[in-house]
Amino acid sequence: MKEVTLYSQPDCPPCEVVKMFLKDRNVKYKEINIKEDNQARRYLIDQLKSYSTPTITIGSEVISGYNLEALTAALNK
């Protein structure tokens, strides 16, 4: 399985839903809090071209925002 990374921040209800979604499917993921990690926040904006959380990367695929359909499709590839 490809590496899954979740870029999140505190007080983000959609981030919590995505975490539950991943846990329910036994998907191992790395979580990065962009409020605590300024370098990760810059990477999110500059490299991933995302301005919102949650943002999930699965391998080289980037899913910005709360989109469980896209997340499901990416996980099933």
C-alpha atoms as a PDB file:
ATOM      1  CA  MET A   1       0.000   0.000   0.000  1.00  0.00           C
ATOM      2  CA  LYS A   2       1.155   3.536  -0.744  1.00  0.00           C
ATOM      3  CA  GLU A   3       2.077   5.873   2.093  1.00  0.00           C
ATOM      4  CA  VAL A   4      -0.871   7.890   3.414  1.00  0.00           C
ATOM      5  CA  THR A   5      -0.334  11.290   5.029  1.00  0.00           C
ATOM      6  CA  LEU A   6      -3.037  13.440   6.581  1.00  0.00           C
ATOM      7  CA  TYR A   7      -2.370  17.162   6.923  1.00  0.00           C
ATOM      8  CA  SER A   8      -4.675  18.458   9.638  1.00  0.00           C
ATOM      9  CA  GLN A   9      -5.114  21.142  12.275  1.00  0.00           C
ATOM     10  CA  PRO A  10      -6.870  21.446  15.636  1.00  0.00           C
ATOM     11  CA  ASP A  11     -10.590  22.242  15.705  1.00  0.00           C
ATOM     12  CA  CYS A  12     -11.124  20.839  12.204  1.00  0.00           C
ATOM     13  CA  PRO A  13     -14.292  18.673  12.220  1.00  0.00           C
ATOM     14  CA  PRO A  14     -13.693  17.340   8.670  1.00  0.00           C
ATOM     15  CA  CYS A  15     -10.195  16.241   9.780  1.00  0.00           C
ATOM     16  CA  GLU A  16     -11.752  14.215  12.595  1.00  0.00           C
ATOM     17  CA  VAL A  17     -14.179  12.543  10.176  1.00  0.00           C
ATOM     18  CA  VAL A  18     -11.312  11.610   7.838  1.00  0.00           C
ATOM     19  CA  LYS A  19      -9.354  10.142  10.792  1.00  0.00           C
ATOM     20  CA  MET A  20     -12.361   8.004  11.751  1.00  0.00           C
ATOM     21  CA  PHE A  21     -12.813   6.980   8.107  1.00  0.00           C
ATOM     22  CA  LEU A  22      -9.183   5.843   7.850  1.00  0.00           C
ATOM     23  CA  LYS A  23      -9.236   4.056  11.221  1.00  0.00           C
ATOM     24  CA  ASP A  24     -12.486   2.231  10.343  1.00  0.00           C
ATOM     25  CA  ARG A  25     -10.745   0.892   7.225  1.00  0.00           C
ATOM     26  CA  ASN A  26      -7.535  -0.011   9.101  1.00  0.00           C
ATOM     27  CA  VAL A  27      -5.505   2.391   6.962  1.00  0.00           C
ATOM     28  CA  LYS A  28      -2.207   3.331   8.542  1.00  0.00           C
ATOM     29  CA  TYR A  29      -1.441   6.982   8.086  1.00  0.00           C
ATOM     30  CA  LYS A  30       0.912   9.688   9.261  1.00  0.00           C
ATOM     31  CA  GLU A  31      -0.747  12.801  10.647  1.00  0.00           C
ATOM     32  CA  ILE A  32       0.917  16.196  10.391  1.00  0.00           C
ATOM     33  CA  ASN A  33      -0.514  19.147  12.310  1.00  0.00           C
ATOM     34  CA  ILE A  34       0.110  22.228  10.154  1.00  0.00           C
ATOM     35  CA  LYS A  35      -0.455  24.558  13.120  1.00  0.00           C
ATOM     36  CA  GLU A  36       2.520  23.029  14.931  1.00  0.00           C
ATOM     37  CA  ASP A  37       4.748  22.446  11.893  1.00  0.00           C
ATOM     38  CA  ASN A  38       5.329  25.607   9.843  1.00  0.00           C
ATOM     39  CA  GLN A  39       7.541  23.769   7.352  1.00  0.00           C
ATOM     40  CA  ALA A  40       4.714  21.300   6.674  1.00  0.00           C
ATOM     41  CA  ARG A  41       2.254  24.191   6.262  1.00  0.00           C
ATOM     42  CA  ARG A  42       4.538  25.775   3.645  1.00  0.00           C
ATOM     43  CA  TYR A  43       4.895  22.391   1.891  1.00  0.00           C
ATOM     44  CA  LEU A  44       1.104  22.009   1.870  1.00  0.00           C
ATOM     45  CA  ILE A  45       0.690  25.391   0.195  1.00  0.00           C
ATOM     46  CA  ASP A  46       3.758  25.565  -2.051  1.00  0.00           C
ATOM     47  CA  GLN A  47       4.191  21.956  -3.177  1.00  0.00           C
ATOM     48  CA  LEU A  48       0.771  20.369  -2.792  1.00  0.00           C
ATOM     49  CA  LYS A  49      -1.092  23.528  -3.872  1.00  0.00           C
ATOM     50  CA  SER A  50      -3.629  23.022  -1.110  1.00  0.00           C
ATOM     51  CA  TYR A  51      -5.003  25.721   1.158  1.00  0.00           C
ATOM     52  CA  SER A  52      -7.329  23.662   3.334  1.00  0.00           C
ATOM     53  CA  THR A  53      -7.443  20.805   5.774  1.00  0.00           C
ATOM     54  CA  PRO A  54      -7.860  17.994   5.648  1.00  0.00           C
ATOM     55  CA  THR A  55      -5.448  17.345   2.818  1.00  0.00           C
ATOM     56  CA  ILE A  56      -4.494  13.728   2.262  1.00  0.00           C
ATOM     57  CA  THR A  57      -1.675  12.372   0.150  1.00  0.00           C
ATOM     58  CA  ILE A  58      -1.699   8.780  -1.023  1.00  0.00           C
ATOM     59  CA  GLY A  59       1.565   8.172  -2.779  1.00  0.00           C
ATOM     60  CA  SER A  60       1.750  11.076  -5.228  1.00  0.00           C
ATOM     61  CA  GLU A  61      -2.019  11.684  -5.303  1.00  0.00           C
ATOM     62  CA  VAL A  62      -3.320  14.725  -3.411  1.00  0.00           C
ATOM     63  CA  ILE A  63      -6.877  15.033  -2.102  1.00  0.00           C
ATOM     64  CA  SER A  64      -7.675  18.507  -0.803  1.00  0.00           C
ATOM     65  CA  GLY A  65     -10.588  19.078   1.508  1.00  0.00           C
ATOM     66  CA  TYR A  66     -13.270  16.752   2.726  1.00  0.00           C
ATOM     67  CA  ASN A  67     -13.923  14.356  -0.160  1.00  0.00           C
ATOM     68  CA  LEU A  68     -14.612  10.800   0.991  1.00  0.00           C
ATOM     69  CA  GLU A  69     -15.456   9.632  -2.542  1.00  0.00           C
ATOM     70  CA  ALA A  70     -12.049  10.688  -3.876  1.00  0.00           C
ATOM     71  CA  LEU A  71     -10.370   9.243  -0.788  1.00  0.00           C
ATOM     72  CA  THR A  72     -12.143   5.903  -1.232  1.00  0.00           C
ATOM     73  CA  ALA A  73     -11.225   5.780  -4.924  1.00  0.00           C
ATOM     74  CA  ALA A  74      -7.573   6.590  -4.192  1.00  0.00           C
ATOM     75  CA  LEU A  75      -7.354   3.942  -1.486  1.00  0.00           C
ATOM     76  CA  ASN A  76      -8.844   1.319  -3.797  1.00  0.00           C
ATOM     77  CA  LYS A  77      -6.270   1.871  -6.561  1.00  0.00           C
END
